[in-house]
Amino acid sequence: TIHSSSCRRRLLESAAGAALCNILPKQEAWAFDGTGSSISNAPSSKAELAKGYRQRIVADVRDFNALGKAILDRNEMDGNAWLDVFIPYPRREADALGRTYAAQIDLIGPLDSKTGGGAAYLLASTFAKPNKPTENLPQMKKYKELFKSIESVDAAGKKKDLAKAKKEFAQASVVLSDYLQEVGMPASLSDPLYQ
């Protein structure tokens, strides 16, 4: 039978088997990373990764600025600006930058997480030297401050305390500016990049 290994070996060694192999269409092999995407589409350098994180952070800062206008200018304690930043559920479809969650989760990770995450964490970690811990990096320290300050804005929003929300937002704005400066992005939240 053709199913035995010796029979298959003889077929491939024969001229007919070789001709058959030359006739069949050849397909390029793709590496698979287990997530449904091919490795060939992955960024090939730390600089490319950092560029993608920066783009996501810019979009998140725009949402943060919109929240600031809602709190400071319109005295809103709920609405789309709050949802765009703090809603914990995934979006139905990713936005143009591939963000599948609201700005807060995309920027700093879920608030119930002890370690954080998100684009700000990932960008801060790109400053680490290979095989070195990230905890003592200045960028990572600024990230941890940012995590706490945005958590405070969310807490004030849940209590519907406008005065506290304004105060916490002002403090979070300073911390976010410090983080942006530390990772080499424009520090001013009024920069045209964030409008």
C-alpha atoms as a PDB file:
ATOM      1  CA  THR A   1       0.000   0.000   0.000  1.00  0.00           C
ATOM      2  CA  ILE A   2       1.025   3.557  -0.495  1.00  0.00           C
ATOM      3  CA  HIS A   3       0.602   4.253   3.235  1.00  0.00           C
ATOM      4  CA  SER A   4       3.658   2.345   4.360  1.00  0.00           C
ATOM      5  CA  SER A   5       6.746   4.454   4.892  1.00  0.00           C
ATOM      6  CA  SER A   6       8.983   2.263   2.706  1.00  0.00           C
ATOM      7  CA  CYS A   7       6.522   2.519  -0.195  1.00  0.00           C
ATOM      8  CA  ARG A   8       6.347   6.298   0.158  1.00  0.00           C
ATOM      9  CA  ARG A   9      10.110   6.513   0.315  1.00  0.00           C
ATOM     10  CA  ARG A  10      10.465   4.498  -2.908  1.00  0.00           C
ATOM     11  CA  LEU A  11       7.863   6.675  -4.623  1.00  0.00           C
ATOM     12  CA  LEU A  12       9.704   9.852  -3.703  1.00  0.00           C
ATOM     13  CA  GLU A  13      13.045   8.370  -4.753  1.00  0.00           C
ATOM     14  CA  SER A  14      11.677   7.442  -8.146  1.00  0.00           C
ATOM     15  CA  ALA A  15      11.671   9.816 -11.090  1.00  0.00           C
ATOM     16  CA  ALA A  16       7.878   9.862 -11.118  1.00  0.00           C
ATOM     17  CA  GLY A  17       7.781  10.912  -7.475  1.00  0.00           C
ATOM     18  CA  ALA A  18      10.287  13.688  -8.104  1.00  0.00           C
ATOM     19  CA  ALA A  19       8.264  14.886 -11.090  1.00  0.00           C
ATOM     20  CA  LEU A  20       5.099  14.823  -8.988  1.00  0.00           C
ATOM     21  CA  CYS A  21       6.779  16.979  -6.341  1.00  0.00           C
ATOM     22  CA  ASN A  22       7.791  19.489  -9.014  1.00  0.00           C
ATOM     23  CA  ILE A  23       4.237  19.698 -10.406  1.00  0.00           C
ATOM     24  CA  LEU A  24       2.487  20.354  -7.078  1.00  0.00           C
ATOM     25  CA  PRO A  25       2.196  24.028  -6.135  1.00  0.00           C
ATOM     26  CA  LYS A  26       4.717  25.158  -3.572  1.00  0.00           C
ATOM     27  CA  GLN A  27       3.486  27.141  -0.587  1.00  0.00           C
ATOM     28  CA  GLU A  28       5.592  29.383   1.538  1.00  0.00           C
ATOM     29  CA  ALA A  29       5.683  28.309   5.172  1.00  0.00           C
ATOM     30  CA  TRP A  30       4.506  30.885   7.715  1.00  0.00           C
ATOM     31  CA  ALA A  31       5.551  30.910  11.337  1.00  0.00           C
ATOM     32  CA  PHE A  32       2.654  30.861  13.746  1.00  0.00           C
ATOM     33  CA  ASP A  33       2.800  32.644  17.103  1.00  0.00           C
ATOM     34  CA  GLY A  34      -0.365  31.123  18.555  1.00  0.00           C
ATOM     35  CA  THR A  35      -2.458  34.283  18.403  1.00  0.00           C
ATOM     36  CA  GLY A  36      -3.776  33.944  14.894  1.00  0.00           C
ATOM     37  CA  SER A  37      -1.282  36.294  13.336  1.00  0.00           C
ATOM     38  CA  SER A  38       1.902  35.465  11.546  1.00  0.00           C
ATOM     39  CA  ILE A  39       5.275  36.475  12.901  1.00  0.00           C
ATOM     40  CA  SER A  40       6.082  38.169   9.604  1.00  0.00           C
ATOM     41  CA  ASN A  41       3.570  40.898  10.528  1.00  0.00           C
ATOM     42  CA  ALA A  42       5.124  41.550  13.941  1.00  0.00           C
ATOM     43  CA  PRO A  43       7.342  44.609  14.460  1.00  0.00           C
ATOM     44  CA  SER A  44      10.942  43.642  13.990  1.00  0.00           C
ATOM     45  CA  SER A  45      12.564  46.113  16.347  1.00  0.00           C
ATOM     46  CA  LYS A  46      12.110  47.777  19.699  1.00  0.00           C
ATOM     47  CA  ALA A  47      11.830  51.118  17.883  1.00  0.00           C
ATOM     48  CA  GLU A  48       8.857  49.871  15.843  1.00  0.00           C
ATOM     49  CA  LEU A  49       7.176  48.582  18.992  1.00  0.00           C
ATOM     50  CA  ALA A  50       7.746  51.909  20.762  1.00  0.00           C
ATOM     51  CA  LYS A  51       6.315  53.798  17.766  1.00  0.00           C
ATOM     52  CA  GLY A  52       3.103  51.748  17.951  1.00  0.00           C
ATOM     53  CA  TYR A  53       2.819  52.330  21.716  1.00  0.00           C
ATOM     54  CA  ARG A  54       3.343  56.070  21.208  1.00  0.00           C
ATOM     55  CA  GLN A  55       0.541  56.198  18.621  1.00  0.00           C
ATOM     56  CA  ARG A  56      -1.840  54.500  21.034  1.00  0.00           C
ATOM     57  CA  ILE A  57      -0.800  56.855  23.846  1.00  0.00           C
ATOM     58  CA  VAL A  58      -1.492  59.890  21.635  1.00  0.00           C
ATOM     59  CA  ALA A  59      -5.053  58.634  21.037  1.00  0.00           C
ATOM     60  CA  ASP A  60      -5.480  57.939  24.765  1.00  0.00           C
ATOM     61  CA  VAL A  61      -4.255  61.445  25.681  1.00  0.00           C
ATOM     62  CA  ARG A  62      -6.791  62.904  23.236  1.00  0.00           C
ATOM     63  CA  ASP A  63      -9.536  60.998  25.074  1.00  0.00           C
ATOM     64  CA  PHE A  64      -8.083  62.186  28.405  1.00  0.00           C
ATOM     65  CA  ASN A  65      -8.190  65.796  27.159  1.00  0.00           C
ATOM     66  CA  ALA A  66     -11.825  65.356  26.116  1.00  0.00           C
ATOM     67  CA  LEU A  67     -12.557  64.094  29.635  1.00  0.00           C
ATOM     68  CA  GLY A  68     -10.865  67.191  31.039  1.00  0.00           C
ATOM     69  CA  LYS A  69     -13.106  69.457  28.973  1.00  0.00           C
ATOM     70  CA  ALA A  70     -16.148  67.547  30.200  1.00  0.00           C
ATOM     71  CA  ILE A  71     -15.109  67.867  33.851  1.00  0.00           C
ATOM     72  CA  LEU A  72     -13.583  71.339  33.918  1.00  0.00           C
ATOM     73  CA  ASP A  73     -15.643  73.194  31.299  1.00  0.00           C
ATOM     74  CA  ARG A  74     -19.043  71.482  31.317  1.00  0.00           C
ATOM     75  CA  ASN A  75     -19.116  70.089  34.901  1.00  0.00           C
ATOM     76  CA  GLU A  76     -20.088  66.639  33.579  1.00  0.00           C
ATOM     77  CA  MET A  77     -19.826  63.596  35.815  1.00  0.00           C
ATOM     78  CA  ASP A  78     -20.996  61.090  33.221  1.00  0.00           C
ATOM     79  CA  GLY A  79     -21.456  60.892  29.476  1.00  0.00           C
ATOM     80  CA  ASN A  80     -19.424  59.926  26.452  1.00  0.00           C
ATOM     81  CA  ALA A  81     -16.182  61.520  27.619  1.00  0.00           C
ATOM     82  CA  TRP A  82     -16.273  59.413  30.796  1.00  0.00           C
ATOM     83  CA  LEU A  83     -17.186  56.298  28.832  1.00  0.00           C
ATOM     84  CA  ASP A  84     -14.416  56.878  26.285  1.00  0.00           C
ATOM     85  CA  VAL A  85     -11.891  56.796  29.113  1.00  0.00           C
ATOM     86  CA  PHE A  86     -13.256  54.502  31.807  1.00  0.00           C
ATOM     87  CA  ILE A  87     -15.637  51.918  30.350  1.00  0.00           C
ATOM     88  CA  PRO A  88     -14.135  48.527  31.261  1.00  0.00           C
ATOM     89  CA  TYR A  89     -15.746  46.499  28.486  1.00  0.00           C
ATOM     90  CA  PRO A  90     -14.135  45.770  25.119  1.00  0.00           C
ATOM     91  CA  ARG A  91     -15.286  47.650  22.060  1.00  0.00           C
ATOM     92  CA  ARG A  92     -17.240  45.758  19.428  1.00  0.00           C
ATOM     93  CA  GLU A  93     -14.564  46.578  16.875  1.00  0.00           C
ATOM     94  CA  ALA A  94     -11.060  47.915  17.257  1.00  0.00           C
ATOM     95  CA  ASP A  95     -10.593  51.568  16.376  1.00  0.00           C
ATOM     96  CA  ALA A  96      -8.199  52.807  13.686  1.00  0.00           C
ATOM     97  CA  LEU A  97      -5.224  52.303  16.022  1.00  0.00           C
ATOM     98  CA  GLY A  98      -6.229  48.799  17.031  1.00  0.00           C
ATOM     99  CA  ARG A  99      -7.467  49.811  20.481  1.00  0.00           C
ATOM    100  CA  THR A 100     -10.085  47.352  21.635  1.00  0.00           C
ATOM    101  CA  TYR A 101     -10.660  48.970  25.041  1.00  0.00           C
ATOM    102  CA  ALA A 102     -11.317  52.477  26.332  1.00  0.00           C
ATOM    103  CA  ALA A 103      -8.458  54.919  26.889  1.00  0.00           C
ATOM    104  CA  GLN A 104      -7.830  54.106  30.555  1.00  0.00           C
ATOM    105  CA  ILE A 105      -7.367  50.375  29.957  1.00  0.00           C
ATOM    106  CA  ASP A 106      -5.400  50.963  26.768  1.00  0.00           C
ATOM    107  CA  LEU A 107      -3.168  53.538  28.480  1.00  0.00           C
ATOM    108  CA  ILE A 108      -2.522  52.038  31.928  1.00  0.00           C
ATOM    109  CA  GLY A 109      -4.280  48.678  32.025  1.00  0.00           C
ATOM    110  CA  PRO A 110      -7.227  47.598  34.155  1.00  0.00           C
ATOM    111  CA  LEU A 111      -7.504  49.398  37.497  1.00  0.00           C
ATOM    112  CA  ASP A 112      -8.134  46.118  39.328  1.00  0.00           C
ATOM    113  CA  SER A 113      -4.736  44.860  38.180  1.00  0.00           C
ATOM    114  CA  LYS A 114      -1.873  45.046  40.680  1.00  0.00           C
ATOM    115  CA  THR A 115       0.784  45.334  37.977  1.00  0.00           C
ATOM    116  CA  GLY A 116      -0.991  47.540  35.466  1.00  0.00           C
ATOM    117  CA  GLY A 117      -0.375  47.189  31.770  1.00  0.00           C
ATOM    118  CA  GLY A 118      -1.397  49.060  28.675  1.00  0.00           C
ATOM    119  CA  ALA A 119       0.581  51.078  26.177  1.00  0.00           C
ATOM    120  CA  ALA A 120       2.140  53.366  28.823  1.00  0.00           C
ATOM    121  CA  TYR A 121       3.557  50.352  30.665  1.00  0.00           C
ATOM    122  CA  LEU A 122       4.787  48.758  27.459  1.00  0.00           C
ATOM    123  CA  LEU A 123       6.433  51.985  26.271  1.00  0.00           C
ATOM    124  CA  ALA A 124       8.139  52.489  29.630  1.00  0.00           C
ATOM    125  CA  SER A 125       9.475  48.935  29.490  1.00  0.00           C
ATOM    126  CA  THR A 126      11.122  49.545  26.096  1.00  0.00           C
ATOM    127  CA  PHE A 127      13.673  51.745  27.883  1.00  0.00           C
ATOM    128  CA  ALA A 128      15.057  48.737  29.777  1.00  0.00           C
ATOM    129  CA  LYS A 129      18.308  47.125  28.750  1.00  0.00           C
ATOM    130  CA  PRO A 130      18.037  43.491  27.655  1.00  0.00           C
ATOM    131  CA  ASN A 131      17.658  41.052  30.556  1.00  0.00           C
ATOM    132  CA  LYS A 132      17.408  43.867  33.126  1.00  0.00           C
ATOM    133  CA  PRO A 133      14.425  44.508  35.419  1.00  0.00           C
ATOM    134  CA  THR A 134      12.194  47.464  34.615  1.00  0.00           C
ATOM    135  CA  GLU A 135      11.118  48.391  38.155  1.00  0.00           C
ATOM    136  CA  ASN A 136      13.835  50.996  38.739  1.00  0.00           C
ATOM    137  CA  LEU A 137      13.543  52.771  35.400  1.00  0.00           C
ATOM    138  CA  PRO A 138      12.516  56.447  35.731  1.00  0.00           C
ATOM    139  CA  GLN A 139       9.910  55.820  33.014  1.00  0.00           C
ATOM    140  CA  MET A 140       8.421  52.931  35.000  1.00  0.00           C
ATOM    141  CA  LYS A 141       8.271  55.038  38.175  1.00  0.00           C
ATOM    142  CA  LYS A 142       6.344  57.719  36.259  1.00  0.00           C
ATOM    143  CA  TYR A 143       4.037  55.010  34.900  1.00  0.00           C
ATOM    144  CA  LYS A 144       3.233  53.838  38.435  1.00  0.00           C
ATOM    145  CA  GLU A 145       2.394  57.421  39.470  1.00  0.00           C
ATOM    146  CA  LEU A 146       0.185  57.753  36.387  1.00  0.00           C
ATOM    147  CA  PHE A 147      -1.652  54.533  37.252  1.00  0.00           C
ATOM    148  CA  LYS A 148      -2.473  55.816  40.740  1.00  0.00           C
ATOM    149  CA  SER A 149      -3.539  59.272  39.570  1.00  0.00           C
ATOM    150  CA  ILE A 150      -5.931  58.002  36.887  1.00  0.00           C
ATOM    151  CA  GLU A 151      -7.348  55.567  39.423  1.00  0.00           C
ATOM    152  CA  SER A 152      -8.147  58.593  41.644  1.00  0.00           C
ATOM    153  CA  VAL A 153     -10.016  60.352  38.820  1.00  0.00           C
ATOM    154  CA  ASP A 154     -12.092  57.222  38.248  1.00  0.00           C
ATOM    155  CA  ALA A 155     -12.890  56.933  41.967  1.00  0.00           C
ATOM    156  CA  ALA A 156     -14.077  60.566  42.087  1.00  0.00           C
ATOM    157  CA  GLY A 157     -16.236  59.962  39.027  1.00  0.00           C
ATOM    158  CA  LYS A 158     -17.876  56.919  40.573  1.00  0.00           C
ATOM    159  CA  LYS A 159     -18.783  58.997  43.652  1.00  0.00           C
ATOM    160  CA  LYS A 160     -20.134  61.788  41.397  1.00  0.00           C
ATOM    161  CA  ASP A 161     -18.037  64.267  43.389  1.00  0.00           C
ATOM    162  CA  LEU A 162     -17.388  67.108  40.919  1.00  0.00           C
ATOM    163  CA  ALA A 163     -15.037  69.098  43.162  1.00  0.00           C
ATOM    164  CA  LYS A 164     -12.905  66.031  43.846  1.00  0.00           C
ATOM    165  CA  ALA A 165     -12.996  65.028  40.164  1.00  0.00           C
ATOM    166  CA  LYS A 166     -11.704  68.465  39.159  1.00  0.00           C
ATOM    167  CA  LYS A 167      -8.915  68.268  41.745  1.00  0.00           C
ATOM    168  CA  GLU A 168      -7.932  64.702  40.813  1.00  0.00           C
ATOM    169  CA  PHE A 169      -8.055  65.475  37.106  1.00  0.00           C
ATOM    170  CA  ALA A 170      -5.733  68.472  37.585  1.00  0.00           C
ATOM    171  CA  GLN A 171      -3.268  66.280  39.505  1.00  0.00           C
ATOM    172  CA  ALA A 172      -3.533  63.480  36.937  1.00  0.00           C
ATOM    173  CA  SER A 173      -2.819  65.995  34.164  1.00  0.00           C
ATOM    174  CA  VAL A 174       0.457  66.970  35.821  1.00  0.00           C
ATOM    175  CA  VAL A 175       1.429  63.334  36.336  1.00  0.00           C
ATOM    176  CA  LEU A 176       0.529  62.455  32.732  1.00  0.00           C
ATOM    177  CA  SER A 177       2.640  65.387  31.496  1.00  0.00           C
ATOM    178  CA  ASP A 178       5.566  64.176  33.597  1.00  0.00           C
ATOM    179  CA  TYR A 179       5.190  60.666  32.191  1.00  0.00           C
ATOM    180  CA  LEU A 180       5.028  61.943  28.608  1.00  0.00           C
ATOM    181  CA  GLN A 181       8.174  63.994  29.117  1.00  0.00           C
ATOM    182  CA  GLU A 182       9.991  61.017  30.655  1.00  0.00           C
ATOM    183  CA  VAL A 183       9.239  58.796  27.645  1.00  0.00           C
ATOM    184  CA  GLY A 184      10.289  61.450  25.128  1.00  0.00           C
ATOM    185  CA  MET A 185       6.873  62.647  23.980  1.00  0.00           C
ATOM    186  CA  PRO A 186       5.566  66.243  24.023  1.00  0.00           C
ATOM    187  CA  ALA A 187       4.804  66.939  27.684  1.00  0.00           C
ATOM    188  CA  SER A 188       2.174  69.629  27.227  1.00  0.00           C
ATOM    189  CA  LEU A 189      -1.342  68.215  27.026  1.00  0.00           C
ATOM    190  CA  SER A 190      -2.240  71.230  24.877  1.00  0.00           C
ATOM    191  CA  ASP A 191       0.318  70.199  22.231  1.00  0.00           C
ATOM    192  CA  PRO A 192      -1.323  70.041  18.765  1.00  0.00           C
ATOM    193  CA  LEU A 193      -0.452  66.335  18.649  1.00  0.00           C
ATOM    194  CA  TYR A 194      -3.010  65.702  21.391  1.00  0.00           C
ATOM    195  CA  GLN A 195      -5.820  67.857  19.965  1.00  0.00           C
END
